[in-house]
C-alpha atoms as a PDB file:
ATOM      1  CA  MET A   1     -42.422 194.428 -29.209  1.00  0.00           C
ATOM      2  CA  LYS A   2     -41.761 191.413 -31.416  1.00  0.00           C
ATOM      3  CA  ILE A   3     -44.781 192.133 -33.600  1.00  0.00           C
ATOM      4  CA  MET A   4     -43.804 195.770 -34.000  1.00  0.00           C
ATOM      5  CA  ALA A   5     -40.189 194.849 -34.741  1.00  0.00           C
ATOM      6  CA  LYS A   6     -41.281 192.300 -37.404  1.00  0.00           C
ATOM      7  CA  ASN A   7     -43.597 194.814 -39.041  1.00  0.00           C
ATOM      8  CA  ILE A   8     -40.822 197.399 -39.174  1.00  0.00           C
ATOM      9  CA  TYR A   9     -38.349 194.856 -40.496  1.00  0.00           C
ATOM     10  CA  ASP A  10     -40.770 193.695 -43.241  1.00  0.00           C
ATOM     11  CA  THR A  11     -41.515 197.287 -44.251  1.00  0.00           C
ATOM     12  CA  LEU A  12     -37.839 198.192 -44.413  1.00  0.00           C
ATOM     13  CA  LEU A  13     -37.210 195.139 -46.642  1.00  0.00           C
ATOM     14  CA  GLU A  14     -40.078 196.125 -48.881  1.00  0.00           C
ATOM     15  CA  PHE A  15     -38.749 199.653 -49.425  1.00  0.00           C
ATOM     16  CA  ASP A  16     -35.030 198.903 -49.384  1.00  0.00           C
ATOM     17  CA  PRO A  17     -34.292 195.250 -50.258  1.00  0.00           C
ATOM     18  CA  SER A  18     -30.671 196.079 -51.060  1.00  0.00           C
ATOM     19  CA  ASN A  19     -29.951 196.461 -47.345  1.00  0.00           C
ATOM     20  CA  LYS A  20     -31.519 193.151 -46.334  1.00  0.00           C
ATOM     21  CA  GLU A  21     -28.454 191.838 -44.473  1.00  0.00           C
ATOM     22  CA  TYR A  22     -28.091 195.060 -42.492  1.00  0.00           C
ATOM     23  CA  PHE A  23     -31.773 195.008 -41.516  1.00  0.00           C
ATOM     24  CA  LYS A  24     -31.654 191.296 -40.712  1.00  0.00           C
ATOM     25  CA  LYS A  25     -28.604 191.701 -38.449  1.00  0.00           C
ATOM     26  CA  ASN A  26     -30.252 194.554 -36.511  1.00  0.00           C
ATOM     27  CA  TYR A  27     -33.618 192.828 -36.385  1.00  0.00           C
ATOM     28  CA  SER A  28     -31.972 189.661 -34.922  1.00  0.00           C
ATOM     29  CA  LYS A  29     -30.057 191.710 -32.393  1.00  0.00           C
ATOM     30  CA  PHE A  30     -33.253 193.508 -31.298  1.00  0.00           C
ATOM     31  CA  ILE A  31     -35.184 190.196 -31.003  1.00  0.00           C
ATOM     32  CA  GLU A  32     -32.431 188.901 -28.716  1.00  0.00           C
ATOM     33  CA  GLU A  33     -32.779 192.048 -26.569  1.00  0.00           C
ATOM     34  CA  ILE A  34     -36.557 191.452 -26.389  1.00  0.00           C
ATOM     35  CA  ASN A  35     -35.994 187.800 -25.393  1.00  0.00           C
ATOM     36  CA  GLN A  36     -33.538 188.823 -22.655  1.00  0.00           C
ATOM     37  CA  THR A  37     -35.983 191.406 -21.296  1.00  0.00           C
ATOM     38  CA  ASP A  38     -38.812 188.859 -21.384  1.00  0.00           C
ATOM     39  CA  LYS A  39     -36.703 186.338 -19.454  1.00  0.00           C
ATOM     40  CA  LYS A  40     -35.776 188.897 -16.781  1.00  0.00           C
ATOM     41  CA  ILE A  41     -39.432 189.892 -16.366  1.00  0.00           C
ATOM     42  CA  LYS A  42     -40.551 186.257 -16.097  1.00  0.00           C
ATOM     43  CA  ASP A  43     -37.838 185.601 -13.511  1.00  0.00           C
ATOM     44  CA  ILE A  44     -38.885 188.653 -11.493  1.00  0.00           C
ATOM     45  CA  LEU A  45     -42.587 187.769 -11.615  1.00  0.00           C
ATOM     46  CA  SER A  46     -42.068 184.049 -10.964  1.00  0.00           C
ATOM     47  CA  VAL A  47     -42.542 184.626  -7.229  1.00  0.00           C
ATOM     48  CA  LEU A  48     -46.134 185.820  -7.783  1.00  0.00           C
ATOM     49  CA  PRO A  49     -49.213 183.635  -8.122  1.00  0.00           C
ATOM     50  CA  LYS A  50     -50.903 183.578 -11.545  1.00  0.00           C
ATOM     51  CA  ASP A  51     -53.447 186.386 -12.000  1.00  0.00           C
ATOM     52  CA  SER A  52     -51.730 188.644  -9.446  1.00  0.00           C
ATOM     53  CA  LYS A  53     -53.040 192.187  -9.679  1.00  0.00           C
ATOM     54  CA  PHE A  54     -51.449 195.563 -10.064  1.00  0.00           C
ATOM     55  CA  MET A  55     -53.116 198.973 -10.063  1.00  0.00           C
ATOM     56  CA  VAL A  56     -52.975 201.533 -12.831  1.00  0.00           C
ATOM     57  CA  PHE A  57     -54.599 204.897 -13.267  1.00  0.00           C
ATOM     58  CA  HIS A  58     -55.096 204.516 -17.017  1.00  0.00           C
ATOM     59  CA  PRO A  59     -55.573 200.940 -18.284  1.00  0.00           C
ATOM     60  CA  SER A  60     -52.713 201.069 -20.785  1.00  0.00           C
ATOM     61  CA  TRP A  61     -50.799 198.001 -19.573  1.00  0.00           C
ATOM     62  CA  GLY A  62     -53.153 195.344 -20.934  1.00  0.00           C
ATOM     63  CA  TYR A  63     -50.622 193.686 -23.230  1.00  0.00           C
ATOM     64  CA  PHE A  64     -48.113 193.545 -20.360  1.00  0.00           C
ATOM     65  CA  ALA A  65     -50.714 192.069 -18.010  1.00  0.00           C
ATOM     66  CA  ASN A  66     -51.848 189.473 -20.569  1.00  0.00           C
ATOM     67  CA  GLU A  67     -48.295 188.443 -21.457  1.00  0.00           C
ATOM     68  CA  TYR A  68     -47.320 187.824 -17.829  1.00  0.00           C
ATOM     69  CA  ASN A  69     -50.619 186.431 -16.468  1.00  0.00           C
ATOM     70  CA  LEU A  70     -51.369 189.540 -14.418  1.00  0.00           C
ATOM     71  CA  ILE A  71     -54.523 191.587 -13.986  1.00  0.00           C
ATOM     72  CA  GLN A  72     -54.534 195.345 -14.055  1.00  0.00           C
ATOM     73  CA  LEU A  73     -56.960 197.140 -11.748  1.00  0.00           C
ATOM     74  CA  SER A  74     -57.877 200.459 -13.270  1.00  0.00           C
ATOM     75  CA  ILE A  75     -58.617 203.556 -11.226  1.00  0.00           C
ATOM     76  CA  GLU A  76     -59.951 205.301 -14.334  1.00  0.00           C
ATOM     77  CA  VAL A  77     -63.433 204.297 -15.390  1.00  0.00           C
ATOM     78  CA  GLU A  78     -64.489 204.936 -19.024  1.00  0.00           C
ATOM     79  CA  GLY A  79     -61.836 207.602 -19.424  1.00  0.00           C
ATOM     80  CA  LYS A  80     -62.814 209.512 -16.286  1.00  0.00           C
ATOM     81  CA  GLU A  81     -61.653 209.573 -12.703  1.00  0.00           C
ATOM     82  CA  ALA A  82     -63.635 207.166 -10.569  1.00  0.00           C
ATOM     83  CA  LYS A  83     -66.337 208.393  -8.225  1.00  0.00           C
ATOM     84  CA  PRO A  84     -65.775 208.026  -4.446  1.00  0.00           C
ATOM     85  CA  ARG A  85     -67.908 204.853  -4.172  1.00  0.00           C
ATOM     86  CA  ILE A  86     -65.907 203.180  -6.930  1.00  0.00           C
ATOM     87  CA  ILE A  87     -62.635 204.416  -5.410  1.00  0.00           C
ATOM     88  CA  GLN A  88     -63.561 202.780  -2.101  1.00  0.00           C
ATOM     89  CA  LYS A  89     -64.299 199.526  -3.935  1.00  0.00           C
ATOM     90  CA  ILE A  90     -60.906 199.785  -5.712  1.00  0.00           C
ATOM     91  CA  ILE A  91     -59.167 200.417  -2.355  1.00  0.00           C
ATOM     92  CA  ASP A  92     -60.882 197.433  -0.765  1.00  0.00           C
ATOM     93  CA  GLU A  93     -59.897 195.158  -3.667  1.00  0.00           C
ATOM     94  CA  ALA A  94     -56.317 196.475  -3.668  1.00  0.00           C
ATOM     95  CA  LYS A  95     -56.037 195.737   0.062  1.00  0.00           C
ATOM     96  CA  GLU A  96     -57.439 192.241  -0.452  1.00  0.00           C
ATOM     97  CA  GLU A  97     -55.081 191.598  -3.375  1.00  0.00           C
ATOM     98  CA  ASN A  98     -52.043 193.074  -1.569  1.00  0.00           C
ATOM     99  CA  VAL A  99     -51.311 195.553  -4.383  1.00  0.00           C
ATOM    100  CA  LYS A 100     -47.868 197.107  -3.855  1.00  0.00           C
ATOM    101  CA  ALA A 101     -47.937 200.117  -6.195  1.00  0.00           C
ATOM    102  CA  ILE A 102     -50.097 202.255  -8.434  1.00  0.00           C
ATOM    103  CA  PHE A 103     -48.809 203.077 -11.878  1.00  0.00           C
ATOM    104  CA  THR A 104     -49.695 206.354 -13.523  1.00  0.00           C
ATOM    105  CA  GLN A 105     -48.552 207.693 -16.838  1.00  0.00           C
ATOM    106  CA  LEU A 106     -46.338 210.699 -17.153  1.00  0.00           C
ATOM    107  CA  GLU A 107     -48.945 212.167 -19.458  1.00  0.00           C
ATOM    108  CA  PHE A 108     -51.761 212.134 -16.865  1.00  0.00           C
ATOM    109  CA  SER A 109     -52.433 213.675 -13.482  1.00  0.00           C
ATOM    110  CA  ASP A 110     -51.674 211.428 -10.512  1.00  0.00           C
ATOM    111  CA  LYS A 111     -53.853 213.277  -7.997  1.00  0.00           C
ATOM    112  CA  SER A 112     -56.402 210.448  -7.526  1.00  0.00           C
ATOM    113  CA  ALA A 113     -53.680 207.809  -7.603  1.00  0.00           C
ATOM    114  CA  LYS A 114     -51.814 209.608  -4.828  1.00  0.00           C
ATOM    115  CA  ALA A 115     -54.949 209.800  -2.688  1.00  0.00           C
ATOM    116  CA  ILE A 116     -55.539 206.064  -3.112  1.00  0.00           C
ATOM    117  CA  ALA A 117     -51.881 205.299  -2.506  1.00  0.00           C
ATOM    118  CA  ASN A 118     -51.930 207.276   0.710  1.00  0.00           C
ATOM    119  CA  GLU A 119     -54.924 205.288   1.884  1.00  0.00           C
ATOM    120  CA  LEU A 120     -53.167 201.997   1.006  1.00  0.00           C
ATOM    121  CA  LYS A 121     -49.756 203.153   2.193  1.00  0.00           C
ATOM    122  CA  ILE A 122     -48.171 202.221  -1.161  1.00  0.00           C
ATOM    123  CA  LYS A 123     -46.209 204.153  -3.728  1.00  0.00           C
ATOM    124  CA  VAL A 124     -47.187 205.817  -6.968  1.00  0.00           C
ATOM    125  CA  LEU A 125     -44.874 205.182  -9.893  1.00  0.00           C
ATOM    126  CA  LYS A 126     -45.069 207.377 -12.979  1.00  0.00           C
ATOM    127  CA  GLU A 127     -44.304 205.161 -15.955  1.00  0.00           C
ATOM    128  CA  THR A 128     -45.287 205.145 -19.596  1.00  0.00           C
ATOM    129  CA  PRO A 129     -45.774 202.205 -21.911  1.00  0.00           C
ATOM    130  CA  LEU A 130     -44.183 204.351 -24.637  1.00  0.00           C
ATOM    131  CA  ALA A 131     -40.871 204.933 -22.860  1.00  0.00           C
ATOM    132  CA  LYS A 132     -37.782 205.215 -25.039  1.00  0.00           C
ATOM    133  CA  ASN A 133     -35.915 202.946 -22.620  1.00  0.00           C
ATOM    134  CA  TRP A 134     -38.677 200.312 -22.949  1.00  0.00           C
ATOM    135  CA  SER A 135     -36.658 197.370 -21.587  1.00  0.00           C
ATOM    136  CA  GLU A 136     -35.537 199.169 -18.439  1.00  0.00           C
ATOM    137  CA  ASN A 137     -39.043 200.531 -17.981  1.00  0.00           C
ATOM    138  CA  LEU A 138     -40.724 197.090 -18.171  1.00  0.00           C
ATOM    139  CA  ILE A 139     -38.171 195.518 -15.843  1.00  0.00           C
ATOM    140  CA  LYS A 140     -38.669 198.356 -13.337  1.00  0.00           C
ATOM    141  CA  MET A 141     -42.445 197.823 -13.503  1.00  0.00           C
ATOM    142  CA  ALA A 142     -42.068 194.063 -12.967  1.00  0.00           C
ATOM    143  CA  ASN A 143     -39.867 194.713  -9.937  1.00  0.00           C
ATOM    144  CA  ALA A 144     -42.480 197.057  -8.468  1.00  0.00           C
ATOM    145  CA  ILE A 145     -45.276 194.541  -9.024  1.00  0.00           C
ATOM    146  CA  ALA A 146     -43.205 191.861  -7.356  1.00  0.00           C
ATOM    147  CA  ASN A 147     -42.426 194.337  -4.532  1.00  0.00           C
ATOM    148  CA  ASN A 148     -38.663 194.215  -5.205  1.00  0.00           C
ATOM    149  CA  GLU A 149     -38.170 198.002  -5.038  1.00  0.00           C
END
């Protein structure tokens, strides 16, 4: 988020330097919001060991995982639903790693994820990394990974 915000800020300054103070004020305010969200997520995830795992249907949470020392286990393999043998391997690993939820994106079917979740007796959460309410969305995801929901 900080990289995107900086890129937007720099571009706005390039095209409209006369509004520099306005852009700077809003940029600073947004960076503070990002920092507050980051702190909340770190606090939530502080109970987990480093490299804790969470399960996703589509591996779109890589930046989130990297930022918070997590590992995403993907159900999708090379853009396709996993075959039964791979699904069983995923289930076994999820049991071993004590995965608490499977995340699917609103844009994709969650049929396979629901089948795996039923086997593991965990919940499926439909989230998107592109949510308009990005801060709330990331905090909700952190709480689910930490099993706070």
